[in-house]
Amino acid sequence: MNNAKNSLSNLDVNNNNKIVNQRNQIALIKTDIASLQDKIEQCNIKTDVDGKVVKNNAKENQYPKAGDSIIIDDTSKYKLSLDVSQYDAVNIKKGQKAAIKIKGIDKIYSGVVTDIGNIAQAKINTTGGDQEFKVNVKVTFDNADALIKAGYEGSADIVLNEKPSSIAIGFDGVKEDRAAKKKYVYVVDGNKVSKKYIKTGLESEYDVEVLEGLEEGEIYVINPPEKLKEGDLVSLKK
């Protein structure tokens, strides 16, 4: 009887030890499964932006090498980087509109100034070779499309100020009376010219706004010669 009880007791201990060992093995297997699932999950590369894959070094059935990368461009947020002279940069502000032209694309894109650099950096002037300090300005596209690719070159006309329904004339047509400290133009009435003093407003590279002194449709002399005076006879160039 005692031998039988001892045998039963030993059997229970062995069985308990086997159960504990089996549970430990199950726990280790679960840990291995979780680790493998993590590795599988890490193989699924995800990005936090919507866009287009423009570079992919990954190859099927090969381990990646150091430096391999996958680059995704967010095509909804293309930006044009401009180096602007400090003389122009002082007039540029965030939110100003811009007309963007990309080399090789026969289309004008719209954009807005979204970033203005805090420092002016020395840049080599490609035309003269001298250094010129410029500020980097970023213009974000409003209507980027599939024609645009990262790395393309372009230019932008930034609207510093605008005024609708204004009268504007060519910059070369405006003369200045230094004694009177007034600006004037030569207008044509019939075949004679007369001087009209004007008040100017906004100016662009080629045009100047006329606030007072001229009416829409009046004919004026473009780039009048120095010898021109009131009463001179002129003819319209066809």
Foldseek 3Di string as FASTA:
>chain_A
DVVVVVVVVVVVVVVVVVVVVVVVVVVVVVVVVVVVVVVVVVVDDDDPADFAWPAAPDDPPDDDDPPGDIDGDRQQWDKAKDWAAPVCLVLDDWFWKKWKDFPPDPDTFIWTWHDKAPFWDWDQDPVPRDTGTTIITMTTTNDGDPVDDPPTDIDMDTDSDDDPPFDKDWPLQWDADVVVRFIWGWWADPFWTAIWTFDWDDDDPTMTTTPDTDDPPTHTDGNDDPPDHGGDGHDDDD
